[in-house]
Amino acid sequence: MTGRLAGVVLAGGASRRMGRDKATLTVPGRFEGRTLVEHVVSVVSQRCDPVFVVAAQEQALPAFSALVLRDEAPGMGPLPAVGLGLRAAARAGAERAFVCAVDMPFLTPELIGRLADSTPEAGAAVADIVLPRAERDHYLAGVYRTALADTVDAIVAAGERRVGALVDMVDVQRIVVADASPLANLNSPDDLAGLA
């Protein structure tokens, strides 16, 4: 596939299991002294332009080279934030956007490129969403058509909060990933301790 690829980093989650804002985590000896959001933005920026960070309304973030969008539907989960990011990417002229969570310390530009450059099987239509699959689908590490923003708005207005609901409604291409380490998330203090 060709065309401009934007990036959308979802950074405004409640981080209940971690007990603190994941976006501003630092890990001694990791990320070159940067916060997790700075690290992920740096990785995503290697394949995507522009890059948007969707943050909570009052969330304090460090300075980085991405555009910050403020979540308009706090407490509703990631789906409205996905829609907000896709709409901003569409306004910037991108037909597709790589959407990921901020808590992916091992994300690589190679994984983003593999998803972005995938081609459908012969005779198949270009997918609305391209997801990596490693035992399960990883919704928050996929390439989404930015035109899906209207669909997201409609299903959020109907009371839906799950990204999986969007995935179930549209054409999806799944790319099997043998090495799942770039898809790992930091969810708890134990996960963070394992990085140190």
N, C-alpha and C. Protein backbone atom coordinates (compact mmCIF):
# COMPACT_ATOMS: atom_id res chain seq x y z
N MET A 1 0.83 -1.18 0.00
CA MET A 1 0.00 0.00 0.00
C MET A 1 0.87 1.24 0.00
N THR A 2 0.33 2.28 -0.55
CA THR A 2 1.07 3.53 -0.56
C THR A 2 0.21 4.61 0.06
N GLY A 3 0.73 5.82 0.09
CA GLY A 3 -0.02 6.94 0.65
C GLY A 3 0.54 7.35 1.99
N ARG A 4 0.16 8.53 2.37
CA ARG A 4 0.65 9.11 3.60
C ARG A 4 0.11 8.36 4.82
N LEU A 5 0.97 8.10 5.77
CA LEU A 5 0.60 7.40 6.99
C LEU A 5 0.83 8.32 8.17
N ALA A 6 -0.24 8.66 8.88
CA ALA A 6 -0.13 9.44 10.11
C ALA A 6 0.06 8.49 11.28
N GLY A 7 0.36 9.05 12.43
CA GLY A 7 0.48 8.26 13.65
C GLY A 7 -0.43 8.83 14.72
N VAL A 8 -1.05 7.94 15.49
CA VAL A 8 -1.91 8.34 16.60
C VAL A 8 -1.49 7.54 17.83
N VAL A 9 -1.00 8.23 18.84
CA VAL A 9 -0.57 7.59 20.09
C VAL A 9 -1.59 7.92 21.16
N LEU A 10 -2.21 6.89 21.72
CA LEU A 10 -3.23 7.09 22.75
C LEU A 10 -2.56 7.12 24.12
N ALA A 11 -2.58 8.29 24.76
CA ALA A 11 -1.82 8.48 26.00
C ALA A 11 -2.70 8.86 27.19
N GLY A 12 -4.01 8.93 27.01
CA GLY A 12 -4.86 9.50 28.06
C GLY A 12 -5.58 8.50 28.93
N GLY A 13 -5.17 7.24 28.91
CA GLY A 13 -5.85 6.22 29.72
C GLY A 13 -5.71 6.46 31.21
N ALA A 14 -6.58 5.82 31.97
CA ALA A 14 -6.62 6.02 33.42
C ALA A 14 -5.45 5.34 34.14
N SER A 15 -4.81 4.35 33.53
CA SER A 15 -3.66 3.66 34.12
C SER A 15 -3.96 3.12 35.51
N ARG A 16 -5.14 2.54 35.69
CA ARG A 16 -5.55 2.06 37.02
C ARG A 16 -4.61 0.99 37.57
N ARG A 17 -4.24 0.01 36.74
CA ARG A 17 -3.37 -1.07 37.24
C ARG A 17 -1.97 -0.57 37.54
N MET A 18 -1.50 0.41 36.76
CA MET A 18 -0.16 0.95 37.01
C MET A 18 -0.16 1.85 38.24
N GLY A 19 -1.27 2.53 38.48
CA GLY A 19 -1.36 3.39 39.65
C GLY A 19 -0.83 4.79 39.42
N ARG A 20 -0.40 5.08 38.21
CA ARG A 20 0.07 6.42 37.84
C ARG A 20 0.07 6.55 36.33
N ASP A 21 0.24 7.76 35.85
CA ASP A 21 0.19 8.03 34.42
C ASP A 21 1.33 7.29 33.70
N LYS A 22 0.96 6.37 32.80
CA LYS A 22 1.98 5.61 32.08
C LYS A 22 2.78 6.49 31.12
N ALA A 23 2.13 7.48 30.53
CA ALA A 23 2.79 8.30 29.51
C ALA A 23 4.05 8.97 30.04
N THR A 24 4.05 9.35 31.31
CA THR A 24 5.19 10.09 31.86
C THR A 24 6.14 9.20 32.67
N LEU A 25 5.99 7.90 32.55
CA LEU A 25 6.93 6.99 33.22
C LEU A 25 8.33 7.15 32.64
N THR A 26 9.30 7.07 33.50
CA THR A 26 10.69 6.96 33.06
C THR A 26 11.27 5.69 33.68
N VAL A 27 12.19 5.08 32.98
CA VAL A 27 12.81 3.85 33.46
C VAL A 27 14.32 4.06 33.41
N PRO A 28 15.00 3.99 34.57
CA PRO A 28 16.45 4.17 34.55
C PRO A 28 17.12 3.20 33.58
N GLY A 29 17.97 3.75 32.73
CA GLY A 29 18.69 2.93 31.76
C GLY A 29 17.91 2.59 30.51
N ARG A 30 16.68 3.09 30.39
CA ARG A 30 15.85 2.82 29.22
C ARG A 30 15.39 4.13 28.58
N PHE A 31 15.04 4.09 27.33
CA PHE A 31 14.46 5.20 26.58
C PHE A 31 15.37 6.42 26.52
N GLU A 32 16.65 6.24 26.75
CA GLU A 32 17.62 7.35 26.69
C GLU A 32 17.21 8.50 27.61
N GLY A 33 16.64 8.15 28.77
CA GLY A 33 16.25 9.16 29.75
C GLY A 33 14.93 9.85 29.47
N ARG A 34 14.25 9.45 28.38
CA ARG A 34 12.98 10.07 28.02
C ARG A 34 11.82 9.38 28.74
N THR A 35 10.68 10.06 28.75
CA THR A 35 9.46 9.43 29.24
C THR A 35 8.97 8.42 28.21
N LEU A 36 8.03 7.59 28.62
CA LEU A 36 7.49 6.58 27.71
C LEU A 36 6.81 7.23 26.51
N VAL A 37 6.06 8.31 26.73
CA VAL A 37 5.40 8.96 25.60
C VAL A 37 6.42 9.55 24.63
N GLU A 38 7.50 10.12 25.14
CA GLU A 38 8.54 10.65 24.25
C GLU A 38 9.17 9.52 23.44
N HIS A 39 9.40 8.39 24.08
CA HIS A 39 10.00 7.24 23.40
C HIS A 39 9.08 6.72 22.29
N VAL A 40 7.79 6.51 22.62
CA VAL A 40 6.87 5.97 21.63
C VAL A 40 6.67 6.95 20.48
N VAL A 41 6.56 8.24 20.77
CA VAL A 41 6.44 9.24 19.70
C VAL A 41 7.67 9.19 18.79
N SER A 42 8.85 9.01 19.37
CA SER A 42 10.07 8.92 18.58
C SER A 42 10.04 7.72 17.64
N VAL A 43 9.58 6.58 18.13
CA VAL A 43 9.49 5.38 17.30
C VAL A 43 8.46 5.58 16.19
N VAL A 44 7.27 6.05 16.55
CA VAL A 44 6.20 6.21 15.57
C VAL A 44 6.60 7.24 14.51
N SER A 45 7.30 8.28 14.91
CA SER A 45 7.72 9.33 13.98
C SER A 45 8.67 8.83 12.89
N GLN A 46 9.31 7.70 13.12
CA GLN A 46 10.21 7.16 12.10
C GLN A 46 9.45 6.62 10.89
N ARG A 47 8.15 6.34 11.05
CA ARG A 47 7.34 5.82 9.94
C ARG A 47 6.12 6.68 9.61
N CYS A 48 5.76 7.59 10.51
CA CYS A 48 4.50 8.31 10.37
C CYS A 48 4.71 9.83 10.42
N ASP A 49 3.91 10.54 9.63
CA ASP A 49 3.95 12.00 9.63
C ASP A 49 2.63 12.53 9.10
N PRO A 50 1.94 13.34 9.90
CA PRO A 50 2.26 13.81 11.24
C PRO A 50 1.93 12.76 12.30
N VAL A 51 2.34 13.06 13.54
CA VAL A 51 2.02 12.20 14.68
C VAL A 51 1.18 13.02 15.66
N PHE A 52 0.09 12.40 16.12
CA PHE A 52 -0.80 13.02 17.10
C PHE A 52 -0.77 12.20 18.38
N VAL A 53 -0.78 12.89 19.51
CA VAL A 53 -0.90 12.24 20.81
C VAL A 53 -2.25 12.64 21.38
N VAL A 54 -3.09 11.65 21.68
CA VAL A 54 -4.39 11.93 22.29
C VAL A 54 -4.22 11.78 23.79
N ALA A 55 -4.41 12.88 24.51
CA ALA A 55 -4.19 12.94 25.95
C ALA A 55 -5.48 13.31 26.67
N ALA A 56 -5.51 13.06 27.97
CA ALA A 56 -6.65 13.47 28.79
C ALA A 56 -6.68 14.99 28.90
N GLN A 57 -7.82 15.53 29.27
CA GLN A 57 -8.01 16.99 29.31
C GLN A 57 -6.94 17.72 30.10
N GLU A 58 -6.65 17.30 31.31
CA GLU A 58 -5.71 18.01 32.18
C GLU A 58 -4.35 17.31 32.30
N GLN A 59 -4.10 16.32 31.47
CA GLN A 59 -2.88 15.53 31.57
C GLN A 59 -1.65 16.37 31.22
N ALA A 60 -0.68 16.39 32.12
CA ALA A 60 0.57 17.10 31.88
C ALA A 60 1.52 16.20 31.09
N LEU A 61 2.07 16.75 30.02
CA LEU A 61 2.97 15.97 29.16
C LEU A 61 4.26 16.75 28.93
N PRO A 62 5.36 16.05 28.71
CA PRO A 62 6.60 16.74 28.36
C PRO A 62 6.51 17.30 26.94
N ALA A 63 7.46 18.11 26.58
CA ALA A 63 7.51 18.63 25.21
C ALA A 63 8.03 17.54 24.28
N PHE A 64 7.40 17.39 23.12
CA PHE A 64 7.85 16.45 22.11
C PHE A 64 7.35 16.90 20.75
N SER A 65 7.86 16.26 19.71
CA SER A 65 7.54 16.69 18.35
C SER A 65 6.31 15.97 17.81
N ALA A 66 5.18 16.19 18.45
CA ALA A 66 3.90 15.65 17.98
C ALA A 66 2.82 16.63 18.40
N LEU A 67 1.69 16.55 17.72
CA LEU A 67 0.57 17.43 18.02
C LEU A 67 -0.30 16.78 19.08
N VAL A 68 -0.64 17.53 20.12
CA VAL A 68 -1.44 16.99 21.22
C VAL A 68 -2.91 17.32 20.99
N LEU A 69 -3.73 16.27 21.06
CA LEU A 69 -5.19 16.41 21.01
C LEU A 69 -5.72 16.06 22.39
N ARG A 70 -6.71 16.77 22.85
CA ARG A 70 -7.29 16.50 24.17
C ARG A 70 -8.57 15.68 24.00
N ASP A 71 -8.62 14.56 24.69
CA ASP A 71 -9.76 13.65 24.62
C ASP A 71 -11.04 14.38 25.00
N GLU A 72 -12.02 14.32 24.11
CA GLU A 72 -13.28 15.03 24.32
C GLU A 72 -14.30 14.19 25.08
N ALA A 73 -14.00 12.91 25.31
CA ALA A 73 -14.93 12.01 26.00
C ALA A 73 -14.20 11.25 27.09
N PRO A 74 -13.78 11.94 28.16
CA PRO A 74 -13.01 11.26 29.21
C PRO A 74 -13.82 10.14 29.87
N GLY A 75 -13.10 9.09 30.23
CA GLY A 75 -13.72 7.97 30.92
C GLY A 75 -14.49 7.02 30.03
N MET A 76 -14.42 7.22 28.73
CA MET A 76 -15.17 6.38 27.79
C MET A 76 -14.32 5.29 27.14
N GLY A 77 -13.07 5.14 27.59
CA GLY A 77 -12.21 4.13 26.98
C GLY A 77 -11.53 4.66 25.73
N PRO A 78 -10.82 3.79 25.02
CA PRO A 78 -10.00 4.25 23.90
C PRO A 78 -10.76 4.56 22.62
N LEU A 79 -11.97 4.04 22.43
CA LEU A 79 -12.64 4.19 21.14
C LEU A 79 -12.85 5.66 20.73
N PRO A 80 -13.38 6.53 21.60
CA PRO A 80 -13.51 7.93 21.18
C PRO A 80 -12.16 8.59 20.86
N ALA A 81 -11.12 8.18 21.60
CA ALA A 81 -9.78 8.73 21.34
C ALA A 81 -9.27 8.28 19.98
N VAL A 82 -9.57 7.04 19.60
CA VAL A 82 -9.21 6.56 18.26
C VAL A 82 -9.89 7.43 17.21
N GLY A 83 -11.18 7.67 17.39
CA GLY A 83 -11.92 8.50 16.44
C GLY A 83 -11.36 9.91 16.34
N LEU A 84 -11.02 10.50 17.48
CA LEU A 84 -10.44 11.85 17.49
C LEU A 84 -9.13 11.88 16.71
N GLY A 85 -8.28 10.89 16.94
CA GLY A 85 -7.00 10.82 16.24
C GLY A 85 -7.17 10.60 14.74
N LEU A 86 -8.11 9.71 14.36
CA LEU A 86 -8.34 9.45 12.94
C LEU A 86 -8.86 10.70 12.23
N ARG A 87 -9.75 11.44 12.90
CA ARG A 87 -10.29 12.66 12.28
C ARG A 87 -9.17 13.70 12.07
N ALA A 88 -8.30 13.85 13.08
CA ALA A 88 -7.18 14.80 12.94
C ALA A 88 -6.24 14.37 11.82
N ALA A 89 -5.98 13.06 11.71
CA ALA A 89 -5.12 12.55 10.65
C ALA A 89 -5.74 12.79 9.28
N ALA A 90 -7.05 12.61 9.17
CA ALA A 90 -7.74 12.87 7.89
C ALA A 90 -7.64 14.34 7.51
N ARG A 91 -7.82 15.23 8.49
CA ARG A 91 -7.71 16.67 8.21
C ARG A 91 -6.30 17.02 7.75
N ALA A 92 -5.30 16.25 8.21
CA ALA A 92 -3.91 16.50 7.81
C ALA A 92 -3.59 15.88 6.45
N GLY A 93 -4.57 15.23 5.83
CA GLY A 93 -4.36 14.68 4.50
C GLY A 93 -3.94 13.23 4.44
N ALA A 94 -3.95 12.54 5.58
CA ALA A 94 -3.56 11.12 5.60
C ALA A 94 -4.77 10.23 5.37
N GLU A 95 -4.63 9.23 4.55
CA GLU A 95 -5.71 8.27 4.33
C GLU A 95 -5.68 7.14 5.34
N ARG A 96 -4.53 6.94 5.96
CA ARG A 96 -4.39 5.88 6.96
C ARG A 96 -3.57 6.41 8.13
N ALA A 97 -3.77 5.76 9.29
CA ALA A 97 -2.99 6.14 10.48
C ALA A 97 -2.64 4.89 11.27
N PHE A 98 -1.43 4.85 11.75
CA PHE A 98 -1.03 3.80 12.68
C PHE A 98 -1.47 4.26 14.06
N VAL A 99 -2.30 3.47 14.71
CA VAL A 99 -2.86 3.81 16.03
C VAL A 99 -2.26 2.86 17.05
N CYS A 100 -1.69 3.43 18.12
CA CYS A 100 -1.10 2.57 19.15
C CYS A 100 -1.32 3.16 20.54
N ALA A 101 -1.16 2.30 21.53
CA ALA A 101 -1.19 2.72 22.93
C ALA A 101 0.18 3.27 23.31
N VAL A 102 0.19 4.12 24.31
CA VAL A 102 1.45 4.74 24.75
C VAL A 102 2.33 3.77 25.53
N ASP A 103 1.75 2.67 26.01
CA ASP A 103 2.49 1.78 26.92
C ASP A 103 3.17 0.62 26.20
N MET A 104 3.77 0.90 25.04
CA MET A 104 4.43 -0.13 24.24
C MET A 104 5.93 0.15 24.13
N PRO A 105 6.70 -0.22 25.15
CA PRO A 105 8.12 0.16 25.18
C PRO A 105 8.97 -0.49 24.11
N PHE A 106 8.51 -1.60 23.54
CA PHE A 106 9.33 -2.33 22.57
C PHE A 106 8.84 -2.17 21.13
N LEU A 107 7.89 -1.27 20.92
CA LEU A 107 7.39 -1.01 19.57
C LEU A 107 8.55 -0.66 18.64
N THR A 108 8.48 -1.13 17.40
CA THR A 108 9.56 -0.87 16.44
C THR A 108 9.00 -0.24 15.17
N PRO A 109 9.81 0.59 14.50
CA PRO A 109 9.38 1.10 13.20
C PRO A 109 9.19 -0.01 12.18
N GLU A 110 9.90 -1.11 12.35
CA GLU A 110 9.77 -2.24 11.42
C GLU A 110 8.37 -2.85 11.49
N LEU A 111 7.82 -2.98 12.70
CA LEU A 111 6.46 -3.51 12.83
C LEU A 111 5.46 -2.56 12.17
N ILE A 112 5.61 -1.27 12.42
CA ILE A 112 4.71 -0.29 11.79
C ILE A 112 4.80 -0.42 10.28
N GLY A 113 6.01 -0.50 9.76
CA GLY A 113 6.21 -0.63 8.32
C GLY A 113 5.60 -1.89 7.75
N ARG A 114 5.74 -2.98 8.48
CA ARG A 114 5.17 -4.25 7.99
C ARG A 114 3.65 -4.15 7.86
N LEU A 115 3.02 -3.54 8.84
CA LEU A 115 1.55 -3.38 8.79
C LEU A 115 1.16 -2.40 7.68
N ALA A 116 1.88 -1.29 7.59
CA ALA A 116 1.54 -0.25 6.61
C ALA A 116 1.77 -0.71 5.18
N ASP A 117 2.77 -1.55 4.98
CA ASP A 117 3.14 -1.97 3.63
C ASP A 117 2.48 -3.28 3.20
N SER A 118 1.64 -3.84 4.05
CA SER A 118 1.00 -5.12 3.71
C SER A 118 0.06 -4.93 2.53
N THR A 119 -0.08 -5.96 1.76
CA THR A 119 -1.00 -5.92 0.61
C THR A 119 -2.03 -7.03 0.79
N PRO A 120 -3.27 -6.77 0.40
CA PRO A 120 -4.30 -7.80 0.55
C PRO A 120 -4.04 -8.98 -0.38
N GLU A 121 -4.64 -10.10 -0.05
CA GLU A 121 -4.53 -11.27 -0.91
C GLU A 121 -5.15 -10.96 -2.26
N ALA A 122 -4.74 -11.69 -3.28
CA ALA A 122 -5.23 -11.45 -4.64
C ALA A 122 -6.76 -11.44 -4.67
N GLY A 123 -7.31 -10.40 -5.25
CA GLY A 123 -8.76 -10.29 -5.37
C GLY A 123 -9.46 -9.68 -4.18
N ALA A 124 -8.75 -9.52 -3.07
CA ALA A 124 -9.37 -8.96 -1.86
C ALA A 124 -9.31 -7.44 -1.90
N ALA A 125 -10.27 -6.81 -1.29
CA ALA A 125 -10.28 -5.34 -1.20
C ALA A 125 -9.26 -4.88 -0.18
N VAL A 126 -8.83 -3.64 -0.32
CA VAL A 126 -7.94 -3.05 0.67
C VAL A 126 -8.70 -2.96 1.99
N ALA A 127 -8.09 -3.44 3.06
CA ALA A 127 -8.77 -3.52 4.36
C ALA A 127 -8.95 -2.14 4.98
N ASP A 128 -9.99 -2.02 5.79
CA ASP A 128 -10.21 -0.81 6.58
C ASP A 128 -9.20 -0.73 7.72
N ILE A 129 -8.85 -1.89 8.26
CA ILE A 129 -7.91 -1.97 9.38
C ILE A 129 -6.95 -3.11 9.12
N VAL A 130 -5.67 -2.90 9.40
CA VAL A 130 -4.66 -3.96 9.36
C VAL A 130 -4.14 -4.14 10.78
N LEU A 131 -4.33 -5.34 11.32
CA LEU A 131 -3.96 -5.62 12.70
C LEU A 131 -2.88 -6.68 12.78
N PRO A 132 -1.96 -6.54 13.73
CA PRO A 132 -1.05 -7.64 14.01
C PRO A 132 -1.76 -8.70 14.85
N ARG A 133 -1.45 -9.95 14.57
CA ARG A 133 -2.04 -11.04 15.35
C ARG A 133 -0.93 -11.89 15.91
N ALA A 134 -0.89 -12.00 17.23
CA ALA A 134 0.04 -12.87 17.94
C ALA A 134 -0.74 -13.47 19.10
N GLU A 135 -1.34 -14.62 18.87
CA GLU A 135 -2.27 -15.29 19.78
C GLU A 135 -3.63 -14.59 19.83
N ARG A 136 -3.65 -13.27 19.69
CA ARG A 136 -4.89 -12.49 19.65
C ARG A 136 -4.66 -11.28 18.76
N ASP A 137 -5.73 -10.62 18.40
CA ASP A 137 -5.61 -9.36 17.67
C ASP A 137 -5.15 -8.27 18.62
N HIS A 138 -4.29 -7.39 18.13
CA HIS A 138 -3.83 -6.24 18.93
C HIS A 138 -4.45 -4.98 18.31
N TYR A 139 -5.59 -4.57 18.87
CA TYR A 139 -6.34 -3.45 18.32
C TYR A 139 -5.59 -2.13 18.39
N LEU A 140 -4.78 -1.97 19.44
CA LEU A 140 -4.08 -0.69 19.63
C LEU A 140 -2.64 -0.77 19.18
N ALA A 141 -2.47 -1.35 18.00
CA ALA A 141 -1.17 -1.38 17.32
C ALA A 141 -1.44 -1.68 15.85
N GLY A 142 -2.41 -0.99 15.28
CA GLY A 142 -2.83 -1.30 13.92
C GLY A 142 -2.91 -0.09 13.02
N VAL A 143 -3.08 -0.36 11.74
CA VAL A 143 -3.23 0.69 10.73
C VAL A 143 -4.71 0.80 10.39
N TYR A 144 -5.26 2.00 10.56
CA TYR A 144 -6.69 2.26 10.36
C TYR A 144 -6.88 3.28 9.24
N ARG A 145 -7.90 3.06 8.40
CA ARG A 145 -8.28 4.09 7.44
C ARG A 145 -8.85 5.27 8.21
N THR A 146 -8.42 6.47 7.88
CA THR A 146 -8.88 7.65 8.62
C THR A 146 -10.36 7.93 8.36
N ALA A 147 -10.90 7.44 7.26
CA ALA A 147 -12.33 7.62 6.97
C ALA A 147 -13.22 6.90 7.98
N LEU A 148 -12.64 6.05 8.81
CA LEU A 148 -13.41 5.35 9.84
C LEU A 148 -13.83 6.28 10.98
N ALA A 149 -13.35 7.51 11.00
CA ALA A 149 -13.69 8.44 12.08
C ALA A 149 -15.20 8.61 12.21
N ASP A 150 -15.91 8.70 11.09
CA ASP A 150 -17.37 8.86 11.14
C ASP A 150 -18.04 7.62 11.73
N THR A 151 -17.54 6.44 11.38
CA THR A 151 -18.08 5.20 11.93
C THR A 151 -17.86 5.15 13.43
N VAL A 152 -16.66 5.54 13.86
CA VAL A 152 -16.37 5.58 15.30
C VAL A 152 -17.35 6.52 16.01
N ASP A 153 -17.54 7.70 15.47
CA ASP A 153 -18.47 8.66 16.09
C ASP A 153 -19.86 8.06 16.23
N ALA A 154 -20.31 7.36 15.19
CA ALA A 154 -21.66 6.78 15.21
C ALA A 154 -21.81 5.70 16.27
N ILE A 155 -20.82 4.83 16.38
CA ILE A 155 -20.97 3.76 17.36
C ILE A 155 -20.74 4.25 18.78
N VAL A 156 -19.92 5.28 18.96
CA VAL A 156 -19.77 5.89 20.28
C VAL A 156 -21.08 6.56 20.68
N ALA A 157 -21.72 7.25 19.74
CA ALA A 157 -23.01 7.90 20.02
C ALA A 157 -24.07 6.87 20.40
N ALA A 158 -23.92 5.64 19.89
CA ALA A 158 -24.86 4.57 20.22
C ALA A 158 -24.51 3.89 21.54
N GLY A 159 -23.45 4.37 22.21
CA GLY A 159 -23.10 3.83 23.53
C GLY A 159 -21.98 2.82 23.55
N GLU A 160 -21.35 2.59 22.40
CA GLU A 160 -20.26 1.60 22.35
C GLU A 160 -18.97 2.21 22.86
N ARG A 161 -18.18 1.39 23.56
CA ARG A 161 -16.90 1.86 24.10
C ARG A 161 -15.72 1.01 23.65
N ARG A 162 -15.99 -0.15 23.07
CA ARG A 162 -14.92 -1.08 22.74
C ARG A 162 -14.38 -0.88 21.33
N VAL A 163 -13.06 -0.87 21.19
CA VAL A 163 -12.45 -0.82 19.87
C VAL A 163 -12.83 -2.08 19.09
N GLY A 164 -12.99 -3.18 19.80
CA GLY A 164 -13.39 -4.43 19.16
C GLY A 164 -14.71 -4.32 18.41
N ALA A 165 -15.60 -3.44 18.86
CA ALA A 165 -16.88 -3.25 18.17
C ALA A 165 -16.65 -2.66 16.78
N LEU A 166 -15.71 -1.74 16.67
CA LEU A 166 -15.35 -1.19 15.36
C LEU A 166 -14.73 -2.27 14.49
N VAL A 167 -13.80 -3.03 15.06
CA VAL A 167 -13.12 -4.08 14.31
C VAL A 167 -14.13 -5.10 13.78
N ASP A 168 -15.16 -5.39 14.56
CA ASP A 168 -16.16 -6.38 14.15
C ASP A 168 -17.04 -5.88 13.00
N MET A 169 -17.07 -4.56 12.76
CA MET A 169 -17.97 -3.98 11.76
C MET A 169 -17.35 -3.78 10.39
N VAL A 170 -16.02 -3.82 10.30
CA VAL A 170 -15.35 -3.40 9.07
C VAL A 170 -14.46 -4.52 8.53
N ASP A 171 -13.87 -4.27 7.34
CA ASP A 171 -12.96 -5.25 6.74
C ASP A 171 -11.60 -5.16 7.42
N VAL A 172 -11.12 -6.29 7.89
CA VAL A 172 -9.87 -6.35 8.64
C VAL A 172 -8.91 -7.33 8.00
N GLN A 173 -7.67 -6.92 7.86
CA GLN A 173 -6.61 -7.82 7.43
C GLN A 173 -5.73 -8.08 8.65
N ARG A 174 -5.46 -9.33 8.91
CA ARG A 174 -4.63 -9.70 10.06
C ARG A 174 -3.27 -10.19 9.56
N ILE A 175 -2.22 -9.66 10.18
CA ILE A 175 -0.86 -10.05 9.84
C ILE A 175 -0.31 -10.84 11.02
N VAL A 176 -0.01 -12.11 10.80
CA VAL A 176 0.52 -12.94 11.88
C VAL A 176 1.95 -12.51 12.20
N VAL A 177 2.20 -12.25 13.46
CA VAL A 177 3.50 -11.77 13.93
C VAL A 177 4.13 -12.87 14.78
N ALA A 178 5.26 -13.40 14.32
CA ALA A 178 5.92 -14.49 15.05
C ALA A 178 6.56 -13.97 16.34
N ASP A 179 7.17 -12.81 16.28
CA ASP A 179 7.80 -12.21 17.46
C ASP A 179 6.85 -11.16 18.02
N ALA A 180 6.20 -11.49 19.14
CA ALA A 180 5.19 -10.60 19.72
C ALA A 180 5.79 -9.55 20.65
N SER A 181 7.11 -9.55 20.86
CA SER A 181 7.69 -8.62 21.84
C SER A 181 7.41 -7.14 21.52
N PRO A 182 7.38 -6.70 20.24
CA PRO A 182 7.07 -5.29 20.01
C PRO A 182 5.66 -4.89 20.41
N LEU A 183 4.79 -5.89 20.65
CA LEU A 183 3.40 -5.63 21.02
C LEU A 183 3.17 -5.62 22.53
N ALA A 184 4.20 -5.89 23.30
CA ALA A 184 4.05 -5.97 24.76
C ALA A 184 3.66 -4.62 25.35
N ASN A 185 2.80 -4.68 26.36
CA ASN A 185 2.34 -3.48 27.07
C ASN A 185 2.87 -3.46 28.49
N LEU A 186 3.01 -2.26 29.03
CA LEU A 186 3.31 -2.08 30.45
C LEU A 186 1.98 -1.81 31.16
N ASN A 187 1.55 -2.76 31.95
CA ASN A 187 0.25 -2.61 32.60
C ASN A 187 0.31 -2.44 34.11
N SER A 188 1.40 -2.87 34.73
CA SER A 188 1.45 -2.87 36.20
C SER A 188 2.85 -2.51 36.67
N PRO A 189 3.00 -2.18 37.96
CA PRO A 189 4.34 -1.92 38.50
C PRO A 189 5.28 -3.11 38.31
N ASP A 190 4.74 -4.34 38.32
CA ASP A 190 5.59 -5.51 38.10
C ASP A 190 6.17 -5.49 36.68
N ASP A 191 5.35 -5.12 35.69
CA ASP A 191 5.85 -5.01 34.32
C ASP A 191 6.97 -3.97 34.24
N LEU A 192 6.77 -2.88 34.93
CA LEU A 192 7.76 -1.80 34.93
C LEU A 192 9.05 -2.26 35.59
N ALA A 193 8.93 -2.99 36.70
CA ALA A 193 10.11 -3.50 37.40
C ALA A 193 10.91 -4.44 36.52
N GLY A 194 10.22 -5.18 35.66
CA GLY A 194 10.90 -6.08 34.74
C GLY A 194 11.75 -5.38 33.70
N LEU A 195 11.50 -4.09 33.47
CA LEU A 195 12.28 -3.32 32.52
C LEU A 195 13.56 -2.78 33.12
N ALA A 196 13.55 -2.57 34.41
CA ALA A 196 14.69 -1.90 35.07
C ALA A 196 15.92 -2.77 35.09
